[in-house]
PDB file of N, CA and C in Angstrom:
ATOM      1  N   UNK A   1      37.174-111.367 -61.386  1.00  0.00           N
ATOM      2  CA  UNK A   1      37.220-112.142 -63.371  1.00  0.00           C
ATOM      3  C   UNK A   1      38.999-111.119 -63.526  1.00  0.00           C
ATOM      4  N   UNK A   2      39.239-111.181 -64.611  1.00  0.00           N
ATOM      5  CA  UNK A   2      40.055-110.044 -65.430  1.00  0.00           C
ATOM      6  C   UNK A   2      39.932-109.200 -66.258  1.00  0.00           C
ATOM      7  N   UNK A   3      38.159-108.799 -66.419  1.00  0.00           N
ATOM      8  CA  UNK A   3      37.997-107.386 -66.809  1.00  0.00           C
ATOM      9  C   UNK A   3      38.452-106.719 -65.441  1.00  0.00           C
ATOM     10  N   UNK A   4      38.078-106.747 -63.893  1.00  0.00           N
ATOM     11  CA  UNK A   4      38.185-106.202 -62.868  1.00  0.00           C
ATOM     12  C   UNK A   4      39.481-106.356 -62.473  1.00  0.00           C
ATOM     13  N   UNK A   5      40.192-107.222 -63.253  1.00  0.00           N
ATOM     14  CA  UNK A   5      41.693-107.108 -62.587  1.00  0.00           C
ATOM     15  C   UNK A   5      42.721-105.096 -63.356  1.00  0.00           C
ATOM     16  N   UNK A   6      41.972-106.018 -64.260  1.00  0.00           N
ATOM     17  CA  UNK A   6      42.176-104.790 -65.811  1.00  0.00           C
ATOM     18  C   UNK A   6      41.929-103.294 -65.504  1.00  0.00           C
ATOM     19  N   UNK A   7      40.721-103.304 -65.243  1.00  0.00           N
ATOM     20  CA  UNK A   7      40.139-101.903 -63.957  1.00  0.00           C
ATOM     21  C   UNK A   7      40.935-102.158 -63.206  1.00  0.00           C
ATOM     22  N   UNK A   8      40.953-102.424 -62.476  1.00  0.00           N
ATOM     23  CA  UNK A   8      41.870-102.231 -61.359  1.00  0.00           C
ATOM     24  C   UNK A   8      43.688-101.112 -61.153  1.00  0.00           C
ATOM     25  N   UNK A   9      43.632-102.381 -62.880  1.00  0.00           N
ATOM     26  CA  UNK A   9      45.315-101.540 -63.553  1.00  0.00           C
ATOM     27  C   UNK A   9      44.758-100.765 -63.265  1.00  0.00           C
ATOM     28  N   UNK A  10      44.132 -99.873 -64.668  1.00  0.00           N
ATOM     29  CA  UNK A  10      43.680 -99.279 -64.519  1.00  0.00           C
ATOM     30  C   UNK A  10      43.847 -97.767 -63.641  1.00  0.00           C
ATOM     31  N   UNK A  11      42.666 -98.024 -62.745  1.00  0.00           N
ATOM     32  CA  UNK A  11      42.770 -97.124 -61.521  1.00  0.00           C
ATOM     33  C   UNK A  11      44.416 -96.159 -61.309  1.00  0.00           C
ATOM     34  N   UNK A  12      44.868 -97.333 -60.575  1.00  0.00           N
ATOM     35  CA  UNK A  12      46.065 -97.250 -60.334  1.00  0.00           C
ATOM     36  C   UNK A  12      46.662 -96.482 -61.177  1.00  0.00           C
ATOM     37  N   UNK A  13      46.667 -96.788 -62.431  1.00  0.00           N
ATOM     38  CA  UNK A  13      47.951 -95.866 -62.974  1.00  0.00           C
ATOM     39  C   UNK A  13      47.856 -94.584 -63.455  1.00  0.00           C
ATOM     40  N   UNK A  14      46.371 -94.473 -62.716  1.00  0.00           N
ATOM     41  CA  UNK A  14      45.442 -92.904 -63.602  1.00  0.00           C
ATOM     42  C   UNK A  14      45.566 -92.408 -61.568  1.00  0.00           C
ATOM     43  N   UNK A  15      45.513 -92.800 -61.080  1.00  0.00           N
ATOM     44  CA  UNK A  15      45.942 -92.748 -59.462  1.00  0.00           C
ATOM     45  C   UNK A  15      47.982 -92.215 -59.595  1.00  0.00           C
ATOM     46  N   UNK A  16      48.850 -92.797 -60.194  1.00  0.00           N
ATOM     47  CA  UNK A  16      49.824 -92.640 -60.127  1.00  0.00           C
ATOM     48  C   UNK A  16      50.511 -91.469 -61.081  1.00  0.00           C
ATOM     49  N   UNK A  17      49.555 -91.379 -62.369  1.00  0.00           N
ATOM     50  CA  UNK A  17      48.973 -89.510 -62.882  1.00  0.00           C
ATOM     51  C   UNK A  17      49.158 -88.913 -62.587  1.00  0.00           C
ATOM     52  N   UNK A  18      48.296 -88.614 -61.035  1.00  0.00           N
ATOM     53  CA  UNK A  18      47.180 -88.002 -60.801  1.00  0.00           C
ATOM     54  C   UNK A  18      45.863 -87.241 -61.312  1.00  0.00           C
ATOM     55  N   UNK A  19      45.858 -88.812 -61.773  1.00  0.00           N
ATOM     56  CA  UNK A  19      44.523 -88.613 -63.095  1.00  0.00           C
ATOM     57  C   UNK A  19      43.579 -88.888 -62.298  1.00  0.00           C
ATOM     58  N   UNK A  20      42.790 -89.081 -61.188  1.00  0.00           N
ATOM     59  CA  UNK A  20      41.768 -89.483 -60.442  1.00  0.00           C
ATOM     60  C   UNK A  20      40.782 -89.224 -60.946  1.00  0.00           C
ATOM     61  N   UNK A  21      40.236 -87.822 -60.825  1.00  0.00           N
ATOM     62  CA  UNK A  21      39.132 -87.629 -61.699  1.00  0.00           C
ATOM     63  C   UNK A  21      38.998 -88.010 -62.725  1.00  0.00           C
ATOM     64  N   UNK A  22      39.762 -89.608 -63.587  1.00  0.00           N
ATOM     65  CA  UNK A  22      38.668 -89.525 -64.903  1.00  0.00           C
ATOM     66  C   UNK A  22      38.943 -91.508 -64.517  1.00  0.00           C
ATOM     67  N   UNK A  23      39.629 -91.649 -63.255  1.00  0.00           N
ATOM     68  CA  UNK A  23      39.557 -93.512 -63.116  1.00  0.00           C
ATOM     69  C   UNK A  23      37.733 -93.901 -63.280  1.00  0.00           C
ATOM     70  N   UNK A  24      37.280 -92.845 -63.420  1.00  0.00           N
ATOM     71  CA  UNK A  24      35.387 -93.486 -63.002  1.00  0.00           C
ATOM     72  C   UNK A  24      34.994 -94.144 -64.396  1.00  0.00           C
ATOM     73  N   UNK A  25      35.217 -92.623 -65.215  1.00  0.00           N
ATOM     74  CA  UNK A  25      35.338 -92.618 -66.841  1.00  0.00           C
ATOM     75  C   UNK A  25      35.533 -93.891 -67.870  1.00  0.00           C
ATOM     76  N   UNK A  26      37.022 -93.873 -66.842  1.00  0.00           N
ATOM     77  CA  UNK A  26      38.155 -94.749 -68.084  1.00  0.00           C
ATOM     78  C   UNK A  26      38.097 -96.349 -67.304  1.00  0.00           C
ATOM     79  N   UNK A  27      37.743 -96.073 -66.388  1.00  0.00           N
ATOM     80  CA  UNK A  27      37.230 -98.076 -66.069  1.00  0.00           C
ATOM     81  C   UNK A  27      35.892 -98.541 -66.075  1.00  0.00           C
ATOM     82  N   UNK A  28      35.383 -97.306 -66.610  1.00  0.00           N
ATOM     83  CA  UNK A  28      33.700 -97.457 -66.801  1.00  0.00           C
ATOM     84  C   UNK A  28      33.590 -98.168 -68.838  1.00  0.00           C
ATOM     85  N   UNK A  29      34.650 -96.971 -69.170  1.00  0.00           N
ATOM     86  CA  UNK A  29      34.668 -97.089 -70.753  1.00  0.00           C
ATOM     87  C   UNK A  29      35.785 -98.559 -70.952  1.00  0.00           C
ATOM     88  N   UNK A  30      37.403 -98.995 -69.917  1.00  0.00           N
ATOM     89  CA  UNK A  30      37.348 -99.920 -70.516  1.00  0.00           C
ATOM     90  C   UNK A  30      36.820-101.775 -70.162  1.00  0.00           C
ATOM     91  N   UNK A  31      35.743-101.339 -69.810  1.00  0.00           N
ATOM     92  CA  UNK A  31      34.282-102.370 -68.979  1.00  0.00           C
ATOM     93  C   UNK A  31      33.953-102.604 -69.661  1.00  0.00           C
ATOM     94  N   UNK A  32      33.200-101.912 -70.299  1.00  0.00           N
ATOM     95  CA  UNK A  32      32.753-101.754 -71.822  1.00  0.00           C
ATOM     96  C   UNK A  32      33.151-102.884 -73.388  1.00  0.00           C
ATOM     97  N   UNK A  33      34.428-101.962 -73.152  1.00  0.00           N
ATOM     98  CA  UNK A  33      35.697-102.495 -74.622  1.00  0.00           C
ATOM     99  C   UNK A  33      36.254-103.666 -74.275  1.00  0.00           C
ATOM    100  N   UNK A  34      35.658-103.723 -72.617  1.00  0.00           N
ATOM    101  CA  UNK A  34      36.104-105.694 -72.655  1.00  0.00           C
ATOM    102  C   UNK A  34      35.263-106.349 -72.798  1.00  0.00           C
ATOM    103  N   UNK A  35      34.102-105.980 -72.114  1.00  0.00           N
ATOM    104  CA  UNK A  35      33.320-106.738 -72.511  1.00  0.00           C
ATOM    105  C   UNK A  35      32.695-107.128 -73.634  1.00  0.00           C
ATOM    106  N   UNK A  36      32.574-105.601 -74.806  1.00  0.00           N
ATOM    107  CA  UNK A  36      32.976-106.260 -75.733  1.00  0.00           C
ATOM    108  C   UNK A  36      33.366-107.563 -76.255  1.00  0.00           C
ATOM    109  N   UNK A  37      34.355-107.783 -76.334  1.00  0.00           N
ATOM    110  CA  UNK A  37      35.292-108.732 -76.445  1.00  0.00           C
ATOM    111  C   UNK A  37      35.497-109.583 -76.413  1.00  0.00           C
ATOM    112  N   UNK A  38      34.559-110.469 -75.372  1.00  0.00           N
ATOM    113  CA  UNK A  38      34.475-111.374 -74.147  1.00  0.00           C
ATOM    114  C   UNK A  38      32.457-112.120 -75.121  1.00  0.00           C
ATOM    115  N   UNK A  39      31.842-111.206 -75.490  1.00  0.00           N
ATOM    116  CA  UNK A  39      30.887-111.515 -75.439  1.00  0.00           C
ATOM    117  C   UNK A  39      31.281-111.034 -77.507  1.00  0.00           C
ATOM    118  N   UNK A  40      31.405-110.346 -78.440  1.00  0.00           N
ATOM    119  CA  UNK A  40      30.913-110.903 -79.691  1.00  0.00           C
ATOM    120  C   UNK A  40      32.838-111.519 -80.034  1.00  0.00           C
ATOM    121  N   UNK A  41      33.822-111.092 -79.606  1.00  0.00           N
ATOM    122  CA  UNK A  41      35.230-111.356 -81.445  1.00  0.00           C
ATOM    123  C   UNK A  41      35.437-113.115 -81.116  1.00  0.00           C
ATOM    124  N   UNK A  42      35.192-113.261 -82.209  1.00  0.00           N
ATOM    125  CA  UNK A  42      35.430-114.746 -82.923  1.00  0.00           C
ATOM    126  C   UNK A  42      36.212-115.085 -82.475  1.00  0.00           C
ATOM    127  N   UNK A  43      36.270-116.993 -82.026  1.00  0.00           N
ATOM    128  CA  UNK A  43      37.593-117.595 -81.637  1.00  0.00           C
ATOM    129  C   UNK A  43      37.817-116.982 -80.825  1.00  0.00           C
ATOM    130  N   UNK A  44      39.142-116.421 -80.830  1.00  0.00           N
ATOM    131  CA  UNK A  44      40.031-116.473 -79.708  1.00  0.00           C
ATOM    132  C   UNK A  44      39.811-115.158 -79.907  1.00  0.00           C
ATOM    133  N   UNK A  45      39.855-115.514 -78.248  1.00  0.00           N
ATOM    134  CA  UNK A  45      39.264-113.724 -77.349  1.00  0.00           C
ATOM    135  C   UNK A  45      40.554-112.859 -76.586  1.00  0.00           C
ATOM    136  N   UNK A  46      41.839-113.060 -77.067  1.00  0.00           N
ATOM    137  CA  UNK A  46      42.623-112.743 -76.453  1.00  0.00           C
ATOM    138  C   UNK A  46      43.222-111.059 -77.047  1.00  0.00           C
ATOM    139  N   UNK A  47      43.132-110.217 -75.934  1.00  0.00           N
ATOM    140  CA  UNK A  47      42.786-108.710 -76.773  1.00  0.00           C
ATOM    141  C   UNK A  47      44.072-108.223 -75.315  1.00  0.00           C
ATOM    142  N   UNK A  48      43.991-107.062 -75.700  1.00  0.00           N
ATOM    143  CA  UNK A  48      45.478-105.978 -75.045  1.00  0.00           C
ATOM    144  C   UNK A  48      44.465-104.373 -74.262  1.00  0.00           C
ATOM    145  N   UNK A  49      45.017-103.650 -73.594  1.00  0.00           N
ATOM    146  CA  UNK A  49      44.954-102.931 -73.102  1.00  0.00           C
ATOM    147  C   UNK A  49      46.063-101.650 -72.963  1.00  0.00           C
ATOM    148  N   UNK A  50      45.946-100.531 -73.918  1.00  0.00           N
ATOM    149  CA  UNK A  50      47.182 -99.520 -73.968  1.00  0.00           C
ATOM    150  C   UNK A  50      46.002 -98.327 -72.711  1.00  0.00           C
ATOM    151  N   UNK A  51      46.847 -97.879 -72.844  1.00  0.00           N
ATOM    152  CA  UNK A  51      46.334 -96.656 -71.866  1.00  0.00           C
ATOM    153  C   UNK A  51      47.785 -95.156 -72.610  1.00  0.00           C
ATOM    154  N   UNK A  52      47.376 -94.475 -72.113  1.00  0.00           N
ATOM    155  CA  UNK A  52      48.663 -93.507 -73.084  1.00  0.00           C
ATOM    156  C   UNK A  52      48.071 -91.861 -72.786  1.00  0.00           C
ATOM    157  N   UNK A  53      49.141 -91.402 -71.804  1.00  0.00           N
ATOM    158  CA  UNK A  53      48.691 -89.708 -71.919  1.00  0.00           C
ATOM    159  C   UNK A  53      49.258 -88.588 -71.973  1.00  0.00           C
ATOM    160  N   UNK A  54      49.021 -88.466 -73.453  1.00  0.00           N
ATOM    161  CA  UNK A  54      49.841 -87.009 -74.003  1.00  0.00           C
ATOM    162  C   UNK A  54      49.332 -86.192 -74.001  1.00  0.00           C
ATOM    163  N   UNK A  55      49.831 -85.035 -73.828  1.00  0.00           N
ATOM    164  CA  UNK A  55      48.918 -83.310 -74.359  1.00  0.00           C
ATOM    165  C   UNK A  55      48.093 -83.239 -73.782  1.00  0.00           C
ATOM    166  N   UNK A  56      47.544 -83.257 -72.360  1.00  0.00           N
ATOM    167  CA  UNK A  56      46.701 -83.654 -71.508  1.00  0.00           C
ATOM    168  C   UNK A  56      44.902 -84.563 -71.904  1.00  0.00           C
ATOM    169  N   UNK A  57      45.461 -85.014 -72.590  1.00  0.00           N
ATOM    170  CA  UNK A  57      44.850 -86.663 -73.567  1.00  0.00           C
ATOM    171  C   UNK A  57      45.022 -87.242 -73.095  1.00  0.00           C
ATOM    172  N   UNK A  58      43.840 -88.430 -72.311  1.00  0.00           N
ATOM    173  CA  UNK A  58      44.430 -89.806 -71.803  1.00  0.00           C
ATOM    174  C   UNK A  58      43.418 -90.715 -73.170  1.00  0.00           C
ATOM    175  N   UNK A  59      44.137 -91.483 -73.351  1.00  0.00           N
ATOM    176  CA  UNK A  59      43.171 -92.458 -74.731  1.00  0.00           C
ATOM    177  C   UNK A  59      43.762 -93.867 -74.087  1.00  0.00           C
ATOM    178  N   UNK A  60      42.940 -94.377 -74.517  1.00  0.00           N
ATOM    179  CA  UNK A  60      41.749 -96.127 -73.814  1.00  0.00           C
ATOM    180  C   UNK A  60      41.941 -97.138 -75.242  1.00  0.00           C
ATOM    181  N   UNK A  61      42.641 -98.002 -74.946  1.00  0.00           N
ATOM    182  CA  UNK A  61      42.253 -98.835 -76.316  1.00  0.00           C
ATOM    183  C   UNK A  61      42.674-100.124 -76.073  1.00  0.00           C
ATOM    184  N   UNK A  62      41.769-100.955 -76.756  1.00  0.00           N
ATOM    185  CA  UNK A  62      41.296-101.560 -76.478  1.00  0.00           C
ATOM    186  C   UNK A  62      41.942-102.942 -77.604  1.00  0.00           C
ATOM    187  N   UNK A  63      42.758-104.357 -78.087  1.00  0.00           N
ATOM    188  CA  UNK A  63      43.038-104.279 -79.491  1.00  0.00           C
ATOM    189  C   UNK A  63      42.943-105.647 -78.931  1.00  0.00           C
ATOM    190  N   UNK A  64      42.220-106.254 -80.209  1.00  0.00           N
ATOM    191  CA  UNK A  64      41.262-108.439 -79.963  1.00  0.00           C
ATOM    192  C   UNK A  64      41.887-108.425 -81.235  1.00  0.00           C
ATOM    193  N   UNK A  65      41.626-109.120 -81.624  1.00  0.00           N
ATOM    194  CA  UNK A  65      41.560-110.069 -82.992  1.00  0.00           C
ATOM    195  C   UNK A  65      41.174-110.831 -83.912  1.00  0.00           C
ATOM    196  N   UNK A  66      39.794-110.286 -83.427  1.00  0.00           N
ATOM    197  CA  UNK A  66      37.849-109.651 -84.418  1.00  0.00           C
ATOM    198  C   UNK A  66      38.215-108.567 -85.403  1.00  0.00           C
ATOM    199  N   UNK A  67      38.333-109.360 -86.793  1.00  0.00           N
ATOM    200  CA  UNK A  67      38.465-107.336 -87.097  1.00  0.00           C
ATOM    201  C   UNK A  67      37.246-107.358 -87.985  1.00  0.00           C
ATOM    202  N   UNK A  68      36.251-107.289 -87.254  1.00  0.00           N
ATOM    203  CA  UNK A  68      34.496-107.246 -87.463  1.00  0.00           C
ATOM    204  C   UNK A  68      34.573-105.722 -86.304  1.00  0.00           C
ATOM    205  N   UNK A  69      34.562-104.765 -86.715  1.00  0.00           N
ATOM    206  CA  UNK A  69      33.930-103.082 -85.887  1.00  0.00           C
ATOM    207  C   UNK A  69      33.154-103.574 -86.049  1.00  0.00           C
ATOM    208  N   UNK A  70      32.476-103.203 -84.476  1.00  0.00           N
ATOM    209  CA  UNK A  70      31.695-103.190 -83.558  1.00  0.00           C
ATOM    210  C   UNK A  70      30.881-101.804 -84.353  1.00  0.00           C
ATOM    211  N   UNK A  71      28.893-102.297 -83.964  1.00  0.00           N
ATOM    212  CA  UNK A  71      29.095-101.011 -84.462  1.00  0.00           C
ATOM    213  C   UNK A  71      27.752-100.331 -83.281  1.00  0.00           C
ATOM    214  N   UNK A  72      27.857 -98.876 -83.375  1.00  0.00           N
ATOM    215  CA  UNK A  72      27.103 -98.502 -82.699  1.00  0.00           C
ATOM    216  C   UNK A  72      25.429 -98.654 -82.410  1.00  0.00           C
ATOM    217  N   UNK A  73      24.828 -99.677 -81.290  1.00  0.00           N
ATOM    218  CA  UNK A  73      22.762 -98.956 -82.147  1.00  0.00           C
ATOM    219  C   UNK A  73      22.702 -98.916 -80.380  1.00  0.00           C
ATOM    220  N   UNK A  74      21.300 -97.956 -80.749  1.00  0.00           N
ATOM    221  CA  UNK A  74      19.979 -97.593 -80.013  1.00  0.00           C
ATOM    222  C   UNK A  74      19.731 -99.063 -79.263  1.00  0.00           C
ATOM    223  N   UNK A  75      19.859 -99.650 -77.641  1.00  0.00           N
ATOM    224  CA  UNK A  75      19.766-100.833 -77.519  1.00  0.00           C
ATOM    225  C   UNK A  75      18.107 -99.828 -77.070  1.00  0.00           C
ATOM    226  N   UNK A  76      16.428-101.353 -77.382  1.00  0.00           N
ATOM    227  CA  UNK A  76      15.075-100.927 -76.704  1.00  0.00           C
ATOM    228  C   UNK A  76      15.340-100.473 -75.210  1.00  0.00           C
ATOM    229  N   UNK A  77      14.433-100.155 -74.980  1.00  0.00           N
ATOM    230  CA  UNK A  77      14.738-100.256 -73.619  1.00  0.00           C
ATOM    231  C   UNK A  77      14.854-100.697 -72.581  1.00  0.00           C
ATOM    232  N   UNK A  78      13.707-101.974 -73.310  1.00  0.00           N
ATOM    233  CA  UNK A  78      13.736-103.349 -72.469  1.00  0.00           C
ATOM    234  C   UNK A  78      14.815-104.567 -72.516  1.00  0.00           C
ATOM    235  N   UNK A  79      15.909-104.360 -73.746  1.00  0.00           N
ATOM    236  CA  UNK A  79      16.754-104.900 -73.350  1.00  0.00           C
ATOM    237  C   UNK A  79      18.325-104.662 -71.860  1.00  0.00           C
ATOM    238  N   UNK A  80      18.637-105.371 -71.348  1.00  0.00           N
ATOM    239  CA  UNK A  80      19.571-105.590 -70.399  1.00  0.00           C
ATOM    240  C   UNK A  80      20.991-105.387 -71.592  1.00  0.00           C
ATOM    241  N   UNK A  81      21.339-105.509 -72.741  1.00  0.00           N
ATOM    242  CA  UNK A  81      22.477-105.463 -72.693  1.00  0.00           C
ATOM    243  C   UNK A  81      22.676-105.298 -74.267  1.00  0.00           C
ATOM    244  N   UNK A  82      23.820-104.278 -75.241  1.00  0.00           N
ATOM    245  CA  UNK A  82      23.392-103.593 -75.863  1.00  0.00           C
ATOM    246  C   UNK A  82      23.992-102.341 -75.969  1.00  0.00           C
ATOM    247  N   UNK A  83      24.392-101.577 -74.761  1.00  0.00           N
ATOM    248  CA  UNK A  83      24.843 -99.963 -74.743  1.00  0.00           C
ATOM    249  C   UNK A  83      26.643-100.022 -74.351  1.00  0.00           C
ATOM    250  N   UNK A  84      27.141-100.731 -74.276  1.00  0.00           N
ATOM    251  CA  UNK A  84      28.181-100.837 -74.502  1.00  0.00           C
ATOM    252  C   UNK A  84      29.160-100.028 -75.382  1.00  0.00           C
ATOM    253  N   UNK A  85      28.521 -99.706 -76.357  1.00  0.00           N
ATOM    254  CA  UNK A  85      29.509 -98.456 -77.320  1.00  0.00           C
ATOM    255  C   UNK A  85      28.878 -96.770 -76.719  1.00  0.00           C
ATOM    256  N   UNK A  86      27.231 -97.204 -76.595  1.00  0.00           N
ATOM    257  CA  UNK A  86      26.556 -96.008 -76.401  1.00  0.00           C
ATOM    258  C   UNK A  86      27.470 -95.979 -74.856  1.00  0.00           C
ATOM    259  N   UNK A  87      27.342 -96.262 -74.216  1.00  0.00           N
ATOM    260  CA  UNK A  87      28.219 -95.553 -73.040  1.00  0.00           C
ATOM    261  C   UNK A  87      29.265 -95.622 -72.745  1.00  0.00           C
ATOM    262  N   UNK A  88      30.265 -95.685 -73.530  1.00  0.00           N
ATOM    263  CA  UNK A  88      31.885 -95.181 -74.317  1.00  0.00           C
ATOM    264  C   UNK A  88      31.586 -93.990 -74.951  1.00  0.00           C
ATOM    265  N   UNK A  89      30.201 -93.350 -75.622  1.00  0.00           N
ATOM    266  CA  UNK A  89      30.440 -92.019 -76.357  1.00  0.00           C
ATOM    267  C   UNK A  89      29.983 -91.741 -75.579  1.00  0.00           C
ATOM    268  N   UNK A  90      29.257 -91.862 -74.823  1.00  0.00           N
ATOM    269  CA  UNK A  90      28.121 -90.446 -74.241  1.00  0.00           C
ATOM    270  C   UNK A  90      29.347 -90.222 -72.460  1.00  0.00           C
ATOM    271  N   UNK A  91      30.609 -90.781 -72.477  1.00  0.00           N
ATOM    272  CA  UNK A  91      32.012 -90.814 -71.388  1.00  0.00           C
ATOM    273  C   UNK A  91      33.051 -90.334 -71.110  1.00  0.00           C
ATOM    274  N   UNK A  92      33.426 -90.213 -72.744  1.00  0.00           N
ATOM    275  CA  UNK A  92      34.636 -90.071 -73.913  1.00  0.00           C
ATOM    276  C   UNK A  92      34.282 -88.480 -74.054  1.00  0.00           C
ATOM    277  N   UNK A  93      35.506 -88.162 -74.664  1.00  0.00           N
ATOM    278  CA  UNK A  93      35.929 -86.615 -75.418  1.00  0.00           C
ATOM    279  C   UNK A  93      35.418 -87.735 -77.529  1.00  0.00           C
ATOM    280  N   UNK A  94      35.642 -88.860 -77.279  1.00  0.00           N
ATOM    281  CA  UNK A  94      36.207 -88.802 -78.533  1.00  0.00           C
ATOM    282  C   UNK A  94      35.915 -90.738 -78.839  1.00  0.00           C
ATOM    283  N   UNK A  95      35.769 -91.203 -79.776  1.00  0.00           N
ATOM    284  CA  UNK A  95      35.486 -93.018 -79.585  1.00  0.00           C
ATOM    285  C   UNK A  95      36.111 -93.281 -81.092  1.00  0.00           C
ATOM    286  N   UNK A  96      35.845 -94.132 -81.315  1.00  0.00           N
ATOM    287  CA  UNK A  96      36.569 -94.899 -82.821  1.00  0.00           C
ATOM    288  C   UNK A  96      37.291 -96.093 -82.966  1.00  0.00           C
ATOM    289  N   UNK A  97      37.408 -96.402 -84.010  1.00  0.00           N
ATOM    290  CA  UNK A  97      37.552 -97.869 -84.051  1.00  0.00           C
ATOM    291  C   UNK A  97      38.849 -98.157 -85.595  1.00  0.00           C
ATOM    292  N   UNK A  98      39.471 -98.827 -85.587  1.00  0.00           N
ATOM    293  CA  UNK A  98      40.481 -99.281 -86.621  1.00  0.00           C
ATOM    294  C   UNK A  98      41.066-100.296 -87.085  1.00  0.00           C
ATOM    295  N   UNK A  99      41.178-100.095 -87.867  1.00  0.00           N
ATOM    296  CA  UNK A  99      42.149-101.842 -88.416  1.00  0.00           C
ATOM    297  C   UNK A  99      43.475-101.909 -87.872  1.00  0.00           C
ATOM    298  N   UNK A 100      43.751-103.791 -87.136  1.00  0.00           N
ATOM    299  CA  UNK A 100      45.150-103.266 -87.140  1.00  0.00           C
ATOM    300  C   UNK A 100      45.749-104.573 -88.064  1.00  0.00           C
ATOM    301  N   UNK A 101      47.018-105.069 -87.726  1.00  0.00           N
ATOM    302  CA  UNK A 101      46.956-105.823 -88.505  1.00  0.00           C
ATOM    303  C   UNK A 101      47.141-107.360 -88.042  1.00  0.00           C
ATOM    304  N   UNK A 102      46.206-107.981 -86.951  1.00  0.00           N
ATOM    305  CA  UNK A 102      45.878-108.635 -86.962  1.00  0.00           C
ATOM    306  C   UNK A 102      44.613-108.981 -86.076  1.00  0.00           C
ATOM    307  N   UNK A 103      43.753-107.475 -86.121  1.00  0.00           N
ATOM    308  CA  UNK A 103      42.319-107.858 -86.130  1.00  0.00           C
ATOM    309  C   UNK A 103      41.788-105.720 -86.030  1.00  0.00           C
ATOM    310  N   UNK A 104      41.963-105.648 -84.672  1.00  0.00           N
ATOM    311  CA  UNK A 104      41.126-104.097 -84.955  1.00  0.00           C
ATOM    312  C   UNK A 104      41.360-103.804 -83.502  1.00  0.00           C
ATOM    313  N   UNK A 105      41.265-102.101 -83.467  1.00  0.00           N
ATOM    314  CA  UNK A 105      41.939-101.384 -82.188  1.00  0.00           C
ATOM    315  C   UNK A 105      40.538-100.306 -81.890  1.00  0.00           C
ATOM    316  N   UNK A 106      39.617-100.744 -80.320  1.00  0.00           N
ATOM    317  CA  UNK A 106      38.709 -99.613 -80.006  1.00  0.00           C
ATOM    318  C   UNK A 106      39.352 -98.606 -79.349  1.00  0.00           C
ATOM    319  N   UNK A 107      39.586 -98.217 -79.460  1.00  0.00           N
ATOM    320  CA  UNK A 107      39.761 -96.501 -78.653  1.00  0.00           C
ATOM    321  C   UNK A 107      38.710 -95.700 -77.630  1.00  0.00           C
ATOM    322  N   UNK A 108      39.518 -94.599 -77.399  1.00  0.00           N
ATOM    323  CA  UNK A 108      38.417 -93.349 -76.120  1.00  0.00           C
ATOM    324  C   UNK A 108      38.951 -92.675 -75.953  1.00  0.00           C
ATOM    325  N   UNK A 109      38.997 -91.371 -75.677  1.00  0.00           N
ATOM    326  CA  UNK A 109      39.899 -90.677 -75.299  1.00  0.00           C
ATOM    327  C   UNK A 109      39.083 -89.864 -74.140  1.00  0.00           C
ATOM    328  N   UNK A 110      39.446 -88.966 -73.415  1.00  0.00           N
ATOM    329  CA  UNK A 110      39.256 -88.611 -71.857  1.00  0.00           C
ATOM    330  C   UNK A 110      39.694 -87.447 -71.417  1.00  0.00           C
ATOM    331  N   UNK A 111      39.456 -86.055 -71.662  1.00  0.00           N
ATOM    332  CA  UNK A 111      40.914 -84.665 -71.009  1.00  0.00           C
ATOM    333  C   UNK A 111      40.479 -84.292 -69.661  1.00  0.00           C
ATOM    334  N   UNK A 112      41.801 -84.455 -69.828  1.00  0.00           N
ATOM    335  CA  UNK A 112      41.939 -83.932 -68.256  1.00  0.00           C
ATOM    336  C   UNK A 112      41.395 -82.902 -67.937  1.00  0.00           C
ATOM    337  N   UNK A 113      40.801 -82.680 -66.789  1.00  0.00           N
ATOM    338  CA  UNK A 113      40.703 -81.104 -66.254  1.00  0.00           C
ATOM    339  C   UNK A 113      42.170 -79.841 -65.970  1.00  0.00           C
TER     340      UNK A 113
END
C-alpha cells in the first residue's frame, strides 16, 4: 500500500539521520495521519508528507486538500477506530493542525535523545 511505502521512506530517512530511536513513534504517527486522510478527507485524497529535523526536534507534517480540521476524540473501548489522533498525541511531544492555502497541515513533533 502507499501508506506502507511512506512508512518505509520515513524509516529510511530517519536511519540516514541516525535517528533510529524515533522510527517506531514516527512511523506510527505518519500511519495514523495518512489513514485519517484516506478515511476522512473529502473529494481529493491527494496529500504530501514532510519530515524535518532541526535543533534536535523531528517534525512530521501531512498536508491534504480538505480544509476541515480533525477532532481529537475519545473512542469508546468497543470501537475499533477513532483513536488515530489520540495515538499521535500519546507518542509525540506535541501535535497540531493549521490551515493551508489548499487545505490543512496536521503535524507532530518528536524530540531526539
